[in-house]
Protein backbone atom coordinates (compact mmCIF):
# COMPACT_ATOMS: atom_id res chain seq x y z
CA MET A 1 -18.70 0.03 6.19
CA ARG A 2 -16.36 -0.20 3.21
CA ASN A 3 -12.60 -0.51 3.63
CA TYR A 4 -10.69 2.54 2.50
CA THR A 5 -7.11 2.18 1.32
CA ARG A 6 -4.92 5.24 1.87
CA ILE A 7 -2.32 6.03 -0.79
CA ASN A 8 0.56 8.48 -1.19
CA HIS A 9 -0.10 11.78 0.66
CA GLN A 10 -3.26 10.42 2.33
CA ILE A 11 -0.95 8.45 4.66
CA ARG A 12 -0.43 10.77 7.65
CA VAL A 13 2.13 9.10 9.93
CA PRO A 14 5.77 10.06 10.56
CA THR A 15 7.26 6.60 9.83
CA VAL A 16 6.16 3.47 7.97
CA ARG A 17 7.41 -0.08 7.52
CA CYS A 18 8.08 -0.13 3.79
CA VAL A 19 8.03 -3.04 1.32
CA ASP A 20 9.27 -2.47 -2.24
CA ALA A 21 7.59 -3.54 -5.49
CA GLU A 22 9.41 -6.91 -5.47
CA GLY A 23 8.23 -7.72 -1.94
CA GLU A 24 11.57 -7.03 -0.25
CA GLN A 25 11.34 -5.37 3.17
CA ILE A 26 13.09 -2.02 3.23
CA GLY A 27 12.46 -1.42 6.93
CA VAL A 28 11.05 1.40 9.04
CA ILE A 29 11.68 4.69 7.24
CA PRO A 30 10.25 8.24 7.30
CA ILE A 31 7.12 8.69 5.19
CA SER A 32 8.86 11.36 3.07
CA GLN A 33 11.59 8.90 2.07
CA ALA A 34 9.01 6.20 1.24
CA LEU A 35 7.04 8.66 -0.92
CA ASN A 36 10.22 9.72 -2.74
CA MET A 37 11.13 6.07 -3.43
CA ALA A 38 7.64 5.37 -4.81
CA ARG A 39 7.70 8.50 -6.97
CA ALA A 40 11.17 7.63 -8.31
CA ALA A 41 9.89 4.17 -9.31
CA GLY A 42 6.81 5.69 -10.98
CA LEU A 43 4.54 3.83 -8.54
CA ASP A 44 2.28 4.59 -5.57
CA LEU A 45 2.81 4.13 -1.84
CA VAL A 46 -0.16 2.04 -0.64
CA GLU A 47 -1.00 1.41 3.02
CA VAL A 48 -1.62 -2.35 3.31
CA ALA A 49 -1.74 -2.81 7.11
CA ALA A 50 -3.01 0.32 8.84
CA GLN A 51 -3.50 -1.31 12.26
CA SER A 52 0.13 -2.32 12.82
CA GLN A 53 2.69 -0.06 14.47
CA PRO A 54 4.16 1.47 12.38
CA PRO A 55 1.71 0.98 9.47
CA VAL A 56 2.94 -1.26 6.64
CA CYS A 57 3.08 0.39 3.22
CA ARG A 58 3.98 -1.16 -0.10
CA ILE A 59 5.35 0.49 -3.23
CA MET A 60 3.06 -0.70 -6.05
CA ASP A 61 0.79 0.33 -8.91
CA TYR A 62 -2.44 1.30 -7.12
CA GLY A 63 -4.60 0.83 -10.24
CA LYS A 64 -3.40 -2.76 -10.61
CA PHE A 65 -3.87 -3.38 -6.87
CA LYS A 66 -7.46 -2.08 -7.00
CA TYR A 67 -8.26 -4.20 -10.08
CA GLU A 68 -6.92 -7.40 -8.47
CA GLN A 69 -8.79 -6.63 -5.23
CA GLN A 70 -12.08 -6.24 -7.13
CA LYS A 71 -11.41 -9.49 -8.99
CA ARG A 72 -10.88 -11.36 -5.70
CA GLU A 73 -14.10 -9.89 -4.24
CA ALA A 74 -16.10 -10.90 -7.33
CA GLU A 75 -14.66 -14.43 -7.15
CA ALA A 76 -15.56 -14.67 -3.45
CA ARG A 77 -19.15 -13.55 -4.18
CA LYS A 78 -19.40 -16.13 -6.95
CA LYS A 79 -18.41 -18.96 -4.58
CA GLN A 80 -21.06 -18.09 -1.96
């Protein structure tokens, strides 16, 4: 089973623990406010810890996140 990262409107919870693009914790806020902050920054809201209560989301560039994740996976496969 492949991990699936939810972004923006795919995140369906009333509140999230939000971290901004610089890594600073914003706190527990409504999902609508987190989405507005991400949109205002021109970035995406990415769910990074779905199992925690409330889920942890980070404001970041999803394309860059996906690229770096693939790079780490390729490096891990190379070292096996």
